[in-house]
Protein backbone atom coordinates (compact mmCIF):
# COMPACT_ATOMS: atom_id res chain seq x y z
CA MET A 1 110.80 77.22 126.65
CA THR A 2 108.91 79.39 123.89
CA LEU A 3 110.38 82.40 122.64
CA LEU A 4 108.57 85.61 121.64
CA PRO A 5 108.54 86.61 118.16
CA ARG A 6 111.90 89.01 117.17
CA PRO A 7 110.74 92.59 117.13
CA GLN A 8 113.22 93.74 114.86
CA SER A 9 112.27 91.55 112.22
CA TYR A 10 109.04 93.66 111.65
CA ALA A 11 110.88 96.97 111.86
CA PRO A 12 111.39 97.28 108.35
CA PHE A 13 108.05 96.93 107.53
CA PHE A 14 106.95 99.38 109.85
CA TRP A 15 109.05 101.66 108.77
CA LEU A 16 108.23 101.98 105.12
CA LEU A 17 104.85 102.00 105.68
CA LEU A 18 105.29 104.90 108.11
CA CYS A 19 107.35 106.51 105.18
CA LEU A 20 104.46 105.95 102.38
CA PHE A 21 102.25 107.80 104.75
CA CYS A 22 104.80 110.45 105.71
CA LEU A 23 104.98 111.11 101.59
CA ARG A 24 101.23 111.31 101.57
CA VAL A 25 101.07 113.98 104.49
CA LEU A 26 104.02 115.95 102.75
CA ALA A 27 102.68 115.55 99.31
CA HIS A 28 99.07 116.69 100.53
CA LEU A 29 100.59 119.72 102.23
CA LEU A 30 102.66 120.68 99.22
CA ILE A 31 99.60 121.13 97.30
CA VAL A 32 97.79 123.19 100.08
CA PHE A 33 100.40 125.17 100.72
CA LEU A 34 101.80 125.76 97.59
CA ASP A 35 98.55 126.64 96.05
CA GLY A 36 99.28 123.47 93.71
CA VAL A 37 102.26 121.18 92.67
CA ALA A 38 102.33 120.40 88.84
CA TRP A 39 103.49 117.01 88.99
CA LEU A 40 101.12 115.70 91.81
CA PRO A 41 97.41 115.06 91.72
CA SER A 42 95.10 117.93 92.88
CA GLU A 43 93.76 118.71 96.21
CA GLU A 44 90.68 117.03 95.64
CA GLU A 45 92.21 113.64 94.55
CA TRP A 46 93.47 113.96 98.07
CA LEU A 47 90.35 114.00 99.95
CA SER A 48 87.37 111.72 100.99
CA GLY A 49 85.36 114.88 101.99
CA ALA A 50 84.86 113.06 105.26
CA LEU A 51 87.18 115.82 107.21
CA GLY A 52 87.80 119.28 107.19
CA TYR A 53 91.64 119.60 105.99
CA GLN A 54 92.63 121.27 109.24
CA TYR A 55 91.34 118.17 111.65
CA LEU A 56 92.68 115.71 108.94
CA LEU A 57 96.07 117.63 108.80
CA VAL A 58 96.15 116.99 113.02
CA SER A 59 95.01 113.22 112.55
CA GLN A 60 97.59 112.93 110.53
CA ILE A 61 100.25 114.33 112.54
CA VAL A 62 98.65 111.89 115.40
CA ILE A 63 99.10 108.82 113.63
CA VAL A 64 102.63 109.63 112.62
CA LEU A 65 103.74 110.54 116.19
CA VAL A 66 102.01 106.91 117.17
CA PHE A 67 103.30 105.03 114.39
CA GLY A 68 106.37 106.51 114.78
CA LYS A 69 106.45 105.49 118.55
CA VAL A 70 105.52 102.04 116.99
CA CYS A 71 108.56 102.01 114.71
CA VAL A 72 110.82 103.33 117.61
CA ASP A 73 109.69 100.22 119.86
CA PHE A 74 110.16 97.51 117.13
CA THR A 75 113.81 98.93 116.03
CA ARG A 76 114.98 99.02 119.66
CA GLY A 77 113.16 95.53 120.55
CA GLN A 78 111.76 97.31 123.73
CA GLY A 79 108.66 99.26 124.38
CA TYR A 80 104.86 99.48 124.83
CA PHE A 81 104.30 98.04 121.29
CA VAL A 82 106.66 95.49 121.85
CA THR A 83 105.84 94.06 124.94
CA PRO A 84 103.07 91.43 124.61
CA HIS A 85 99.27 92.69 125.34
CA ARG A 86 96.63 90.15 125.68
CA PHE A 87 94.15 93.13 125.00
CA LEU A 88 96.09 94.41 121.67
CA ALA A 89 96.36 90.78 120.50
CA SER A 90 92.76 90.42 120.94
CA TRP A 91 90.89 93.41 119.75
CA LEU A 92 94.15 94.66 117.04
CA PRO A 93 93.50 92.00 114.52
CA ALA A 94 89.72 92.29 114.28
CA THR A 95 90.10 96.24 114.42
CA GLY A 96 92.95 96.18 111.24
CA LEU A 97 90.94 93.30 109.34
CA VAL A 98 87.56 95.20 109.60
CA TYR A 99 89.78 98.36 108.39
CA LEU A 100 90.77 96.72 105.57
CA CYS A 101 87.68 95.33 104.69
CA VAL A 102 85.91 98.62 104.66
CA MET A 103 88.69 100.35 102.45
CA VAL A 104 88.22 97.13 99.57
CA VAL A 105 84.45 97.68 99.92
CA ARG A 106 84.67 101.62 99.77
CA TYR A 107 87.07 100.99 96.27
CA ILE A 108 84.77 98.88 95.06
CA ILE A 109 81.72 100.84 95.59
CA ARG A 110 83.51 104.26 94.38
CA MET A 111 84.57 102.21 91.07
CA SER A 112 81.03 100.97 90.53
CA LEU A 113 79.66 104.52 90.79
CA TYR A 114 82.44 106.29 88.95
CA PRO A 115 83.06 104.07 85.93
CA PRO A 116 84.93 106.99 84.12
CA GLU A 117 87.33 106.93 87.10
CA ARG A 118 88.23 103.38 87.22
CA TRP A 119 91.11 101.93 88.18
CA THR A 120 92.75 105.01 90.04
CA GLY A 121 90.21 107.82 90.17
CA GLY A 122 89.74 108.73 93.74
CA SER A 123 91.67 106.12 95.15
CA ILE A 124 94.51 108.20 96.77
CA PRO A 125 92.42 108.31 100.19
CA ILE A 126 91.45 104.45 99.99
CA PHE A 127 95.17 103.22 99.26
CA PHE A 128 96.88 104.92 102.39
CA HIS A 129 93.87 103.85 104.55
CA CYS A 130 94.94 100.19 103.84
CA VAL A 131 98.53 101.68 104.27
CA LEU A 132 97.32 102.39 107.82
CA ALA A 133 95.26 99.30 108.01
CA PHE A 134 98.33 97.11 106.75
CA PHE A 135 100.29 98.96 109.83
CA ILE A 136 97.64 97.81 112.08
CA LEU A 137 97.49 94.20 111.05
CA ILE A 138 101.16 93.68 111.31
CA VAL A 139 101.31 95.11 115.01
CA ALA A 140 98.50 92.67 115.53
CA LEU A 141 99.96 89.57 113.96
CA TYR A 142 103.12 90.45 116.20
CA GLN A 143 100.83 90.84 119.55
CA VAL A 144 99.19 87.47 118.74
CA LYS A 145 102.34 85.69 118.29
CA ALA A 146 103.78 87.41 121.16
CA VAL A 147 100.70 86.69 123.63
CA ARG A 148 100.71 83.04 122.74
CA ALA A 149 104.43 82.75 123.48
CA LEU A 150 103.39 83.91 126.87
CA PRO A 151 102.96 81.34 129.60
CA PRO A 152 99.24 80.08 130.31
CA LEU A 153 97.61 82.62 132.85
CA ARG A 154 96.60 81.24 136.08
CA GLY A 155 93.68 82.24 138.35
CA GLY A 156 93.73 86.04 138.86
CA GLU A 157 96.84 86.55 136.73
CA ASP A 158 96.74 89.65 134.09
CA TRP A 159 99.66 89.81 132.23
CA GLU A 160 98.20 93.47 130.86
CA GLY A 161 100.52 96.31 131.20
CA GLU A 162 103.54 96.09 133.20
CA MET A 163 103.42 92.55 133.20
CA VAL A 164 106.44 90.61 134.04
CA HIS A 165 107.47 87.90 131.78
CA PRO A 166 109.19 84.85 133.14
CA GLN A 167 112.29 84.99 131.09
CA ARG A 168 112.43 88.62 132.02
CA GLU A 169 112.78 87.71 135.70
CA ARG A 170 115.60 85.61 135.13
CA ARG A 171 117.54 87.07 132.49
CA GLY A 172 116.92 90.46 132.52
CA ARG A 173 115.18 91.00 129.53
CA PHE A 174 113.13 89.13 126.63
CA HIS A 175 114.47 86.62 124.63
CA PHE A 176 113.38 86.40 121.08
CA ARG A 177 113.53 84.16 118.43
CA GLY A 178 117.27 83.72 116.79
CA GLU A 179 118.68 84.98 120.30
CA PRO A 180 121.17 82.55 122.67
């Protein structure tokens, strides 16, 4: 019997990355609405210029809500993001890797275009994009491991969405590594 990876072991990493991202959103809010905070970098350092702040804030709130759902699912050991999905296991790794690579290239280009700002100038958005990319990559890692633990598909079967895992039929729930 192949066991699924234990989702609770991933939860601390998700919560750490979510807290980092929430601190970024909160810090930027303080800068915008308190007209600058002396101990934080200026607003220009927090923006890449691709989106206006009102759109950026809305997208950040959506990201916090979705990632919060991921954190809760992994903490509880059940939910949409803990359930193995072949679709997520197939496209999340590539998406996360491309996202991370684009941010690394973006950093290299920025540092070559603005030598006086080397190592940290303009890197706040890039750093937090990397935080998001790592979040996606950890979900991808779990999904790939979880899907590999599923029995192979037979003709016409589909394990997406409300799939039924054979272990769940017998015992009433998934069994994870380290559980009897």
